[in-house]
Amino acid sequence: MNSAWKAALLSALVIPGLGQLVLKSYVRGSIMITTVVLILVALSLKIIGIALSTLAKIEDSAVMLNVMDIVAIGWQAAKNSGGPAFSVLLLLLMGCWIYSTIDAYLLGGRHNHNR
């Protein structure tokens, strides 16, 4: 397997930026990994907030809830608090992942060509 495919697969299947690091493009790889980790942290915080608001609603309920009631409360909390920020973060994550994969492949192609 040539280095272009290896780099693209590492960036696509493991973490964006890893392919660039393997090709010794340390600044590019570090920027991609840092960006993706920051986006994942922001998404995680958003998801934790949704989970905590769901738990608060469940605790406030005076009646015994079944599983379907809990799912309905969670779904409603996710719809109400996800909002555009969540969508933007997901789009940024997907964009970084796709960009990193294509960039690693092209960088690997140049790396193969220069040998």
Protein backbone atom coordinates (compact mmCIF):
# COMPACT_ATOMS: atom_id res chain seq x y z
CA MET A 1 0.00 0.00 0.00
CA ASN A 2 1.48 3.35 -0.96
CA SER A 3 1.84 6.17 1.52
CA ALA A 4 -1.04 8.20 0.05
CA TRP A 5 -3.58 5.47 0.76
CA LYS A 6 -2.08 4.66 4.15
CA ALA A 7 -2.19 8.33 5.22
CA ALA A 8 -5.76 8.76 3.94
CA LEU A 9 -6.95 5.64 5.74
CA LEU A 10 -5.31 6.69 9.00
CA SER A 11 -6.95 10.11 8.79
CA ALA A 12 -10.30 8.65 7.79
CA LEU A 13 -10.52 5.67 10.13
CA VAL A 14 -8.48 6.60 13.21
CA ILE A 15 -8.37 10.38 13.72
CA PRO A 16 -8.03 13.27 11.30
CA GLY A 17 -4.46 14.49 11.19
CA LEU A 18 -2.81 11.15 11.90
CA GLY A 19 -2.07 10.62 8.21
CA GLN A 20 -0.33 13.98 8.07
CA LEU A 21 1.76 13.07 11.13
CA VAL A 22 2.81 9.77 9.53
CA LEU A 23 3.92 11.73 6.46
CA LYS A 24 5.99 14.00 8.75
CA SER A 25 3.79 17.03 8.19
CA TYR A 26 3.72 17.72 11.92
CA VAL A 27 2.19 21.20 11.93
CA ARG A 28 -0.70 20.21 9.64
CA GLY A 29 -1.34 17.02 11.57
CA SER A 30 -1.22 18.75 14.94
CA ILE A 31 -3.62 21.46 13.79
CA MET A 32 -6.10 18.86 12.49
CA ILE A 33 -5.92 16.71 15.61
CA THR A 34 -6.28 19.72 17.91
CA THR A 35 -9.24 21.06 15.93
CA VAL A 36 -11.05 17.71 15.98
CA VAL A 37 -10.38 17.17 19.69
CA LEU A 38 -11.73 20.65 20.52
CA ILE A 39 -14.86 20.01 18.46
CA LEU A 40 -15.34 16.62 20.16
CA VAL A 41 -14.97 18.24 23.59
CA ALA A 42 -17.56 20.89 22.68
CA LEU A 43 -19.96 18.21 21.41
CA SER A 44 -19.40 16.15 24.55
CA LEU A 45 -20.17 19.12 26.78
CA LYS A 46 -23.35 19.78 24.82
CA ILE A 47 -24.41 16.12 25.13
CA ILE A 48 -23.63 16.10 28.86
CA GLY A 49 -25.81 19.20 29.25
CA ILE A 50 -28.68 17.44 27.49
CA ALA A 51 -28.23 14.37 29.69
CA LEU A 52 -28.20 16.45 32.87
CA SER A 53 -31.36 18.33 31.89
CA THR A 54 -33.01 14.99 31.13
CA LEU A 55 -32.01 13.65 34.53
CA ALA A 56 -33.35 16.78 36.22
CA LYS A 57 -36.71 16.32 34.51
CA ILE A 58 -36.81 12.67 35.51
CA GLU A 59 -35.98 13.53 39.12
CA ASP A 60 -38.67 16.23 39.17
CA SER A 61 -41.29 13.74 38.06
CA ALA A 62 -43.46 12.71 41.01
CA VAL A 63 -44.75 9.57 39.33
CA MET A 64 -42.98 6.33 38.52
CA LEU A 65 -41.70 6.47 34.94
CA ASN A 66 -41.33 3.58 32.55
CA VAL A 67 -38.61 3.33 29.92
CA MET A 68 -40.73 4.90 27.18
CA ASP A 69 -41.45 7.95 29.37
CA ILE A 70 -37.74 8.38 30.02
CA VAL A 71 -36.95 8.08 26.30
CA ALA A 72 -39.64 10.67 25.50
CA ILE A 73 -38.20 13.09 28.08
CA GLY A 74 -34.68 12.58 26.71
CA TRP A 75 -35.84 13.04 23.12
CA GLN A 76 -37.65 16.26 24.01
CA ALA A 77 -34.61 17.59 25.89
CA ALA A 78 -32.35 16.78 22.93
CA LYS A 79 -34.69 18.52 20.48
CA ASN A 80 -34.99 21.60 22.68
CA SER A 81 -31.36 22.05 23.67
CA GLY A 82 -29.48 20.72 20.65
CA GLY A 83 -30.14 23.76 18.53
CA PRO A 84 -28.05 25.21 15.74
CA ALA A 85 -24.80 25.09 17.75
CA PHE A 86 -24.96 21.30 17.83
CA SER A 87 -25.58 21.13 14.09
CA VAL A 88 -22.74 23.54 13.36
CA LEU A 89 -20.35 21.51 15.51
CA LEU A 90 -21.33 18.30 13.71
CA LEU A 91 -20.85 19.95 10.31
CA LEU A 92 -17.45 21.28 11.38
CA LEU A 93 -16.44 17.83 12.57
CA MET A 94 -17.50 16.19 9.31
CA GLY A 95 -15.78 18.92 7.28
CA CYS A 96 -12.52 18.52 9.20
CA TRP A 97 -12.67 14.75 8.82
CA ILE A 98 -13.26 14.92 5.06
CA TYR A 99 -10.67 17.67 4.54
CA SER A 100 -8.06 15.80 6.55
CA THR A 101 -8.61 12.58 4.60
CA ILE A 102 -8.33 14.29 1.21
CA ASP A 103 -5.35 16.38 2.37
CA ALA A 104 -3.53 13.29 3.67
CA TYR A 105 -4.11 11.48 0.37
CA LEU A 106 -2.83 14.43 -1.68
CA LEU A 107 0.12 14.95 0.66
CA GLY A 108 0.94 11.25 0.41
CA GLY A 109 0.80 11.46 -3.38
CA ARG A 110 3.34 14.28 -3.35
CA HIS A 111 5.41 12.28 -0.87
CA ASN A 112 5.42 9.27 -3.24
CA HIS A 113 6.20 11.48 -6.23
CA ASN A 114 9.23 13.07 -4.51
CA ARG A 115 10.92 9.74 -3.76
